[in-house]
C-alpha atoms as a PDB file:
ATOM      1  CA  MET A   1       0.231  -0.412   0.080  1.00  0.00           C
ATOM      2  CA  PRO A   2       1.189   3.419  -0.927  1.00  0.00           C
ATOM      3  CA  ILE A   3       3.200   5.731   1.545  1.00  0.00           C
ATOM      4  CA  ARG A   4       0.321   8.087   1.267  1.00  0.00           C
ATOM      5  CA  ALA A   5      -2.651   5.928   1.840  1.00  0.00           C
ATOM      6  CA  LEU A   6      -0.674   4.394   4.756  1.00  0.00           C
ATOM      7  CA  GLU A   7      -0.287   8.351   6.328  1.00  0.00           C
ATOM      8  CA  LEU A   8      -4.390   9.163   5.904  1.00  0.00           C
ATOM      9  CA  ILE A   9      -5.247   6.145   7.216  1.00  0.00           C
ATOM     10  CA  ALA A  10      -3.050   6.798  10.144  1.00  0.00           C
ATOM     11  CA  SER A  11      -4.928   9.325  10.345  1.00  0.00           C
ATOM     12  CA  ARG A  12      -8.568   9.031  10.236  1.00  0.00           C
ATOM     13  CA  GLU A  13      -7.688   6.061  13.135  1.00  0.00           C
ATOM     14  CA  SER A  14      -6.263   9.163  15.194  1.00  0.00           C
ATOM     15  CA  LYS A  15      -9.293  10.610  14.870  1.00  0.00           C
ATOM     16  CA  ILE A  16     -11.598   8.484  15.267  1.00  0.00           C
ATOM     17  CA  ILE A  17      -9.835   6.970  18.029  1.00  0.00           C
ATOM     18  CA  HIS A  18     -10.533  10.754  19.746  1.00  0.00           C
ATOM     19  CA  SER A  19     -14.343  11.200  18.142  1.00  0.00           C
ATOM     20  CA  LEU A  20     -14.933   7.180  19.919  1.00  0.00           C
ATOM     21  CA  HIS A  21     -15.102   8.970  23.033  1.00  0.00           C
ATOM     22  CA  GLN A  22     -17.280  11.887  22.163  1.00  0.00           C
ATOM     23  CA  SER A  23     -20.015   9.991  20.010  1.00  0.00           C
ATOM     24  CA  ASN A  24     -23.005   7.392  20.137  1.00  0.00           C
ATOM     25  CA  LEU A  25     -23.387   3.807  20.122  1.00  0.00           C
ATOM     26  CA  GLU A  26     -24.474   3.976  16.153  1.00  0.00           C
ATOM     27  CA  GLU A  27     -21.025   6.564  15.165  1.00  0.00           C
ATOM     28  CA  ARG A  28     -19.150   4.377  17.150  1.00  0.00           C
ATOM     29  CA  LYS A  29     -19.761   0.693  14.863  1.00  0.00           C
ATOM     30  CA  ILE A  30     -19.645   2.906  11.826  1.00  0.00           C
ATOM     31  CA  HIS A  31     -15.710   3.719  13.014  1.00  0.00           C
ATOM     32  CA  ILE A  32     -15.229   0.169  14.013  1.00  0.00           C
ATOM     33  CA  LYS A  33     -16.174  -1.626  10.839  1.00  0.00           C
ATOM     34  CA  TRP A  34     -14.009   0.863   8.790  1.00  0.00           C
ATOM     35  CA  LEU A  35     -11.009   0.090  10.945  1.00  0.00           C
ATOM     36  CA  THR A  36     -11.781  -3.104  10.421  1.00  0.00           C
ATOM     37  CA  ARG A  37     -12.340  -3.373   7.163  1.00  0.00           C
ATOM     38  CA  THR A  38      -9.116  -1.496   6.338  1.00  0.00           C
ATOM     39  CA  LEU A  39      -7.073  -4.005   9.048  1.00  0.00           C
ATOM     40  CA  ARG A  40      -8.483  -6.320   6.435  1.00  0.00           C
ATOM     41  CA  LEU A  41      -7.434  -4.983   3.663  1.00  0.00           C
ATOM     42  CA  MET A  42      -4.398  -3.924   4.959  1.00  0.00           C
ATOM     43  CA  LYS A  43      -3.370  -7.745   5.897  1.00  0.00           C
ATOM     44  CA  ARG A  44      -4.340  -8.995   2.525  1.00  0.00           C
ATOM     45  CA  ARG A  45      -2.837  -6.758   0.372  1.00  0.00           C
ATOM     46  CA  ARG A  46       0.562  -7.502   2.659  1.00  0.00           C
ATOM     47  CA  ALA A  47      -0.092 -11.368   1.339  1.00  0.00           C
ATOM     48  CA  LEU A  48      -0.404 -10.816  -2.325  1.00  0.00           C
ATOM     49  CA  ASN A  49       2.112  -7.670  -2.345  1.00  0.00           C
ATOM     50  CA  HIS A  50       4.619  -9.437  -0.557  1.00  0.00           C
ATOM     51  CA  TYR A  51       4.396 -13.360  -0.919  1.00  0.00           C
ATOM     52  CA  GLY A  52       5.364 -15.300  -3.175  1.00  0.00           C
ATOM     53  CA  THR A  53       2.339 -18.155  -5.013  1.00  0.00           C
ATOM     54  CA  LEU A  54       2.746 -21.873  -3.866  1.00  0.00           C
ATOM     55  CA  LEU A  55       1.902 -23.716  -6.403  1.00  0.00           C
ATOM     56  CA  PHE A  56       1.096 -27.721  -5.937  1.00  0.00           C
ATOM     57  CA  PHE A  57      -0.548 -30.997  -7.967  1.00  0.00           C
ATOM     58  CA  CYS A  58      -2.628 -33.450  -6.949  1.00  0.00           C
ATOM     59  CA  GLY A  59      -3.386 -36.715  -9.274  1.00  0.00           C
ATOM     60  CA  LYS A  60      -3.377 -40.332 -10.047  1.00  0.00           C
ATOM     61  CA  MET A  61       0.216 -41.727 -10.427  1.00  0.00           C
ATOM     62  CA  GLY A  62       1.232 -41.418 -13.865  1.00  0.00           C
ATOM     63  CA  ALA A  63      -1.762 -38.289 -14.412  1.00  0.00           C
ATOM     64  CA  GLY A  64       1.552 -36.505 -15.413  1.00  0.00           C
ATOM     65  CA  LYS A  65       2.240 -34.232 -12.065  1.00  0.00           C
ATOM     66  CA  SER A  66       6.070 -34.157 -12.699  1.00  0.00           C
ATOM     67  CA  THR A  67       6.217 -33.555 -16.188  1.00  0.00           C
ATOM     68  CA  LEU A  68       3.174 -30.437 -15.561  1.00  0.00           C
ATOM     69  CA  SER A  69       5.707 -28.881 -12.682  1.00  0.00           C
ATOM     70  CA  ALA A  70       8.103 -28.090 -14.557  1.00  0.00           C
ATOM     71  CA  LYS A  71       6.147 -26.198 -17.240  1.00  0.00           C
ATOM     72  CA  VAL A  72       4.110 -24.633 -14.811  1.00  0.00           C
ATOM     73  CA  ALA A  73       7.469 -23.536 -12.944  1.00  0.00           C
ATOM     74  CA  GLN A  74       9.121 -22.427 -15.973  1.00  0.00           C
ATOM     75  CA  GLN A  75       6.412 -20.509 -16.902  1.00  0.00           C
ATOM     76  CA  ARG A  76       5.557 -18.570 -13.996  1.00  0.00           C
ATOM     77  CA  GLY A  77       9.166 -18.214 -13.119  1.00  0.00           C
ATOM     78  CA  ALA A  78       8.751 -20.270 -10.097  1.00  0.00           C
ATOM     79  CA  VAL A  79      11.492 -22.173  -8.156  1.00  0.00           C
ATOM     80  CA  LEU A  80      10.934 -25.873  -8.382  1.00  0.00           C
ATOM     81  CA  ILE A  81      10.763 -28.196  -5.838  1.00  0.00           C
ATOM     82  CA  SER A  82      11.245 -31.960  -6.496  1.00  0.00           C
ATOM     83  CA  GLU A  83      10.957 -34.451  -3.431  1.00  0.00           C
ATOM     84  CA  ASP A  84      12.015 -37.245  -5.874  1.00  0.00           C
ATOM     85  CA  ALA A  85      14.944 -35.538  -6.678  1.00  0.00           C
ATOM     86  CA  TRP A  86      15.803 -34.680  -2.675  1.00  0.00           C
ATOM     87  CA  LEU A  87      15.120 -38.188  -2.225  1.00  0.00           C
ATOM     88  CA  GLU A  88      17.562 -38.861  -3.934  1.00  0.00           C
ATOM     89  CA  ALA A  89      20.330 -36.399  -3.181  1.00  0.00           C
ATOM     90  CA  LEU A  90      19.196 -37.417   0.330  1.00  0.00           C
ATOM     91  CA  TYR A  91      19.343 -41.494   0.535  1.00  0.00           C
ATOM     92  CA  PRO A  92      20.253 -42.164  -2.506  1.00  0.00           C
ATOM     93  CA  GLY A  93      20.043 -46.133  -3.492  1.00  0.00           C
ATOM     94  CA  GLU A  94      17.772 -46.981  -0.106  1.00  0.00           C
ATOM     95  CA  ILE A  95      14.469 -45.885  -1.687  1.00  0.00           C
ATOM     96  CA  GLU A  96      13.299 -49.553  -3.128  1.00  0.00           C
ATOM     97  CA  ASN A  97       9.580 -49.802  -2.437  1.00  0.00           C
ATOM     98  CA  PHE A  98       6.643 -47.948  -1.834  1.00  0.00           C
ATOM     99  CA  ASN A  99       7.169 -48.294   2.294  1.00  0.00           C
ATOM    100  CA  ASP A 100      10.630 -47.192   1.807  1.00  0.00           C
ATOM    101  CA  TYR A 101       9.165 -43.756  -0.278  1.00  0.00           C
ATOM    102  CA  LEU A 102       6.596 -43.102   3.320  1.00  0.00           C
ATOM    103  CA  ASN A 103       9.473 -43.677   5.593  1.00  0.00           C
ATOM    104  CA  TYR A 104      12.164 -41.424   3.783  1.00  0.00           C
ATOM    105  CA  SER A 105       9.097 -39.034   2.311  1.00  0.00           C
ATOM    106  CA  SER A 106       8.248 -38.440   6.160  1.00  0.00           C
ATOM    107  CA  ARG A 107      11.527 -37.649   6.764  1.00  0.00           C
ATOM    108  CA  LEU A 108      12.290 -35.078   4.764  1.00  0.00           C
ATOM    109  CA  LYS A 109       8.633 -33.167   4.573  1.00  0.00           C
ATOM    110  CA  PRO A 110       9.702 -31.223   8.608  1.00  0.00           C
ATOM    111  CA  ILE A 111      12.658 -30.015   6.356  1.00  0.00           C
ATOM    112  CA  LEU A 112      11.012 -28.937   3.301  1.00  0.00           C
ATOM    113  CA  ARG A 113       8.127 -27.281   4.677  1.00  0.00           C
ATOM    114  CA  GLU A 114      10.672 -24.622   6.616  1.00  0.00           C
ATOM    115  CA  HIS A 115      12.654 -24.133   3.474  1.00  0.00           C
ATOM    116  CA  VAL A 116       9.376 -23.399   1.237  1.00  0.00           C
ATOM    117  CA  LYS A 117       7.939 -20.967   3.798  1.00  0.00           C
ATOM    118  CA  GLN A 118      10.939 -18.938   3.778  1.00  0.00           C
ATOM    119  CA  VAL A 119      11.686 -19.157  -0.059  1.00  0.00           C
ATOM    120  CA  LEU A 120       7.829 -17.805  -0.397  1.00  0.00           C
ATOM    121  CA  MET A 121       8.762 -15.537   2.008  1.00  0.00           C
ATOM    122  CA  THR A 122      11.253 -13.272   0.040  1.00  0.00           C
ATOM    123  CA  GLY A 123       8.178 -13.133  -2.737  1.00  0.00           C
ATOM    124  CA  ALA A 124       9.361 -16.315  -4.995  1.00  0.00           C
ATOM    125  CA  SER A 125       7.120 -18.252  -6.230  1.00  0.00           C
ATOM    126  CA  VAL A 126       7.641 -22.064  -5.551  1.00  0.00           C
ATOM    127  CA  VAL A 127       6.411 -25.273  -7.469  1.00  0.00           C
ATOM    128  CA  LEU A 128       6.474 -28.470  -5.068  1.00  0.00           C
ATOM    129  CA  ASP A 129       6.755 -31.190  -7.199  1.00  0.00           C
ATOM    130  CA  MET A 130       5.080 -33.558  -5.060  1.00  0.00           C
ATOM    131  CA  PRO A 131       2.236 -35.483  -4.443  1.00  0.00           C
ATOM    132  CA  ALA A 132      -1.547 -33.242  -2.726  1.00  0.00           C
ATOM    133  CA  ASN A 133      -3.322 -36.981  -3.106  1.00  0.00           C
ATOM    134  CA  THR A 134      -5.225 -37.569   0.676  1.00  0.00           C
ATOM    135  CA  ARG A 135      -6.508 -35.099   2.289  1.00  0.00           C
ATOM    136  CA  LYS A 136      -3.552 -35.137   5.048  1.00  0.00           C
ATOM    137  CA  GLN A 137      -1.256 -35.077   2.322  1.00  0.00           C
ATOM    138  CA  ARG A 138      -2.776 -31.872   1.248  1.00  0.00           C
ATOM    139  CA  ASP A 139      -3.262 -30.965   5.397  1.00  0.00           C
ATOM    140  CA  TRP A 140       0.962 -30.647   5.562  1.00  0.00           C
ATOM    141  CA  PHE A 141       0.430 -28.312   2.523  1.00  0.00           C
ATOM    142  CA  LYS A 142      -1.795 -26.495   4.731  1.00  0.00           C
ATOM    143  CA  GLY A 143       0.980 -25.866   6.856  1.00  0.00           C
ATOM    144  CA  ILE A 144       2.896 -24.059   4.947  1.00  0.00           C
ATOM    145  CA  TYR A 145       0.393 -21.075   3.639  1.00  0.00           C
ATOM    146  CA  THR A 146      -2.102 -20.366   6.318  1.00  0.00           C
ATOM    147  CA  GLU A 147      -0.264 -19.122   9.125  1.00  0.00           C
ATOM    148  CA  HIS A 148       0.823 -16.311   7.110  1.00  0.00           C
ATOM    149  CA  GLU A 149      -2.449 -16.124   4.109  1.00  0.00           C
ATOM    150  CA  ILE A 150      -0.038 -17.130   1.361  1.00  0.00           C
ATOM    151  CA  PRO A 151      -1.068 -17.361  -2.052  1.00  0.00           C
ATOM    152  CA  HIS A 152      -1.507 -20.743  -3.304  1.00  0.00           C
ATOM    153  CA  GLU A 153      -2.679 -22.727  -5.925  1.00  0.00           C
ATOM    154  CA  LEU A 154      -3.539 -26.673  -6.371  1.00  0.00           C
ATOM    155  CA  TYR A 155      -3.540 -28.646 -10.025  1.00  0.00           C
ATOM    156  CA  TYR A 156      -5.832 -30.516 -10.577  1.00  0.00           C
ATOM    157  CA  LEU A 157      -5.149 -33.805 -13.079  1.00  0.00           C
ATOM    158  CA  THR A 158      -8.481 -35.324 -13.800  1.00  0.00           C
ATOM    159  CA  VAL A 159      -6.297 -37.771 -15.604  1.00  0.00           C
ATOM    160  CA  GLY A 160      -8.395 -41.293 -15.738  1.00  0.00           C
ATOM    161  CA  ASP A 161      -7.013 -44.953 -15.011  1.00  0.00           C
ATOM    162  CA  ALA A 162      -6.453 -45.987 -18.233  1.00  0.00           C
ATOM    163  CA  GLY A 163      -4.116 -42.893 -19.904  1.00  0.00           C
ATOM    164  CA  CYS A 164      -1.957 -43.506 -16.345  1.00  0.00           C
ATOM    165  CA  LEU A 165      -0.906 -46.645 -16.670  1.00  0.00           C
ATOM    166  CA  LYS A 166      -0.614 -45.687 -20.603  1.00  0.00           C
ATOM    167  CA  GLN A 167       1.990 -43.314 -18.643  1.00  0.00           C
ATOM    168  CA  LEU A 168       3.558 -45.424 -16.727  1.00  0.00           C
ATOM    169  CA  LYS A 169       4.116 -47.461 -19.610  1.00  0.00           C
ATOM    170  CA  GLU A 170       6.238 -44.756 -21.856  1.00  0.00           C
ATOM    171  CA  ARG A 171       8.344 -43.469 -18.165  1.00  0.00           C
ATOM    172  CA  GLN A 172       9.631 -47.816 -17.409  1.00  0.00           C
ATOM    173  CA  LYS A 173      11.306 -46.890 -21.067  1.00  0.00           C
ATOM    174  CA  GLN A 174      12.248 -43.601 -19.697  1.00  0.00           C
ATOM    175  CA  GLN A 175      14.051 -44.058 -17.062  1.00  0.00           C
ATOM    176  CA  PRO A 176      13.974 -47.958 -16.678  1.00  0.00           C
ATOM    177  CA  GLY A 177      16.033 -47.185 -12.520  1.00  0.00           C
ATOM    178  CA  ARG A 178      11.703 -46.384 -11.741  1.00  0.00           C
ATOM    179  CA  ALA A 179      10.952 -49.172 -13.239  1.00  0.00           C
ATOM    180  CA  HIS A 180      10.417 -51.815 -10.419  1.00  0.00           C
ATOM    181  CA  PHE A 181       8.146 -48.964  -8.810  1.00  0.00           C
ATOM    182  CA  ASP A 182       5.953 -47.681 -12.186  1.00  0.00           C
ATOM    183  CA  THR A 183       4.225 -51.286 -12.525  1.00  0.00           C
ATOM    184  CA  GLU A 184       0.470 -51.451 -12.833  1.00  0.00           C
ATOM    185  CA  GLU A 185       0.443 -53.845  -9.035  1.00  0.00           C
ATOM    186  CA  VAL A 186       2.237 -50.109  -7.293  1.00  0.00           C
ATOM    187  CA  PHE A 187      -0.276 -48.518  -9.311  1.00  0.00           C
ATOM    188  CA  LYS A 188      -3.531 -49.980  -8.023  1.00  0.00           C
ATOM    189  CA  MET A 189      -2.418 -50.165  -4.028  1.00  0.00           C
ATOM    190  CA  VAL A 190      -0.925 -46.155  -4.075  1.00  0.00           C
ATOM    191  CA  THR A 191      -4.290 -45.629  -6.666  1.00  0.00           C
ATOM    192  CA  SER A 192      -6.871 -47.136  -3.255  1.00  0.00           C
ATOM    193  CA  TYR A 193      -4.990 -43.929  -0.950  1.00  0.00           C
ATOM    194  CA  PHE A 194      -5.956 -41.397  -3.959  1.00  0.00           C
ATOM    195  CA  GLU A 195      -8.491 -38.800  -2.202  1.00  0.00           C
ATOM    196  CA  PRO A 196      -9.607 -35.892  -4.941  1.00  0.00           C
ATOM    197  CA  PRO A 197      -9.774 -32.676  -3.377  1.00  0.00           C
ATOM    198  CA  SER A 198     -13.262 -31.291  -2.684  1.00  0.00           C
ATOM    199  CA  ASP A 199     -14.642 -27.986  -1.949  1.00  0.00           C
ATOM    200  CA  SER A 200     -14.498 -27.846   1.758  1.00  0.00           C
ATOM    201  CA  GLU A 201     -11.133 -28.411   2.061  1.00  0.00           C
ATOM    202  CA  GLY A 202     -11.247 -24.544   0.704  1.00  0.00           C
ATOM    203  CA  PHE A 203      -8.178 -24.899  -2.032  1.00  0.00           C
ATOM    204  CA  ASN A 204      -7.917 -22.653  -4.852  1.00  0.00           C
ATOM    205  CA  VAL A 205      -7.789 -25.855  -7.895  1.00  0.00           C
ATOM    206  CA  VAL A 206      -7.160 -25.375 -10.832  1.00  0.00           C
ATOM    207  CA  ILE A 207      -8.269 -27.809 -13.254  1.00  0.00           C
ATOM    208  CA  VAL A 208      -6.092 -29.498 -16.050  1.00  0.00           C
ATOM    209  CA  GLU A 209      -7.325 -32.401 -18.522  1.00  0.00           C
ATOM    210  CA  PRO A 210      -3.847 -33.081 -19.962  1.00  0.00           C
ATOM    211  CA  GLU A 211      -4.609 -35.116 -23.412  1.00  0.00           C
ATOM    212  CA  ILE A 212      -2.908 -38.375 -23.272  1.00  0.00           C
ATOM    213  CA  THR A 213      -2.302 -39.513 -27.078  1.00  0.00           C
END
């Protein structure tokens, strides 16, 4: 908010505080309502003007979340943070099955949460390439942006099972190191826990329908 606007608000606040002692009940209500509305506006503008945006993704295994993450990061000029890359760097060769992933991911999340929050508060936007596929996972993302009302966007990729399985087969060829993980059996097991985002969760959802060729 411009300095002149802040000066005007401060001046009016001073007059209002002085006049509250001399005004009637209806006038007091009007003054208090104005102050409340102004403070909310200032808080909202502060968040929008000084914080980056947190961008994260929901979609079934093989839906194309990592591909879209890289694309969005480039388009938005955002910092791209990949959970897979961090896990590989910190625990090389130690993740051989889905239970290993859950174990090491739970160790990484407390570190990432504070790191990402600090980056966002500098004004830089962050693309987090890690799943937001269950309510519990999405609650973790809320823990990053809620306290400071940091802007966020949740991209929901609505790719069906057939499309995901087709892409997993292609990924097996492109990334043979993941072939033992990118199987139909693992897909069915992971998908059994999938929960699409609902309106009641209060996210700013961007629905994406990728074309599976």
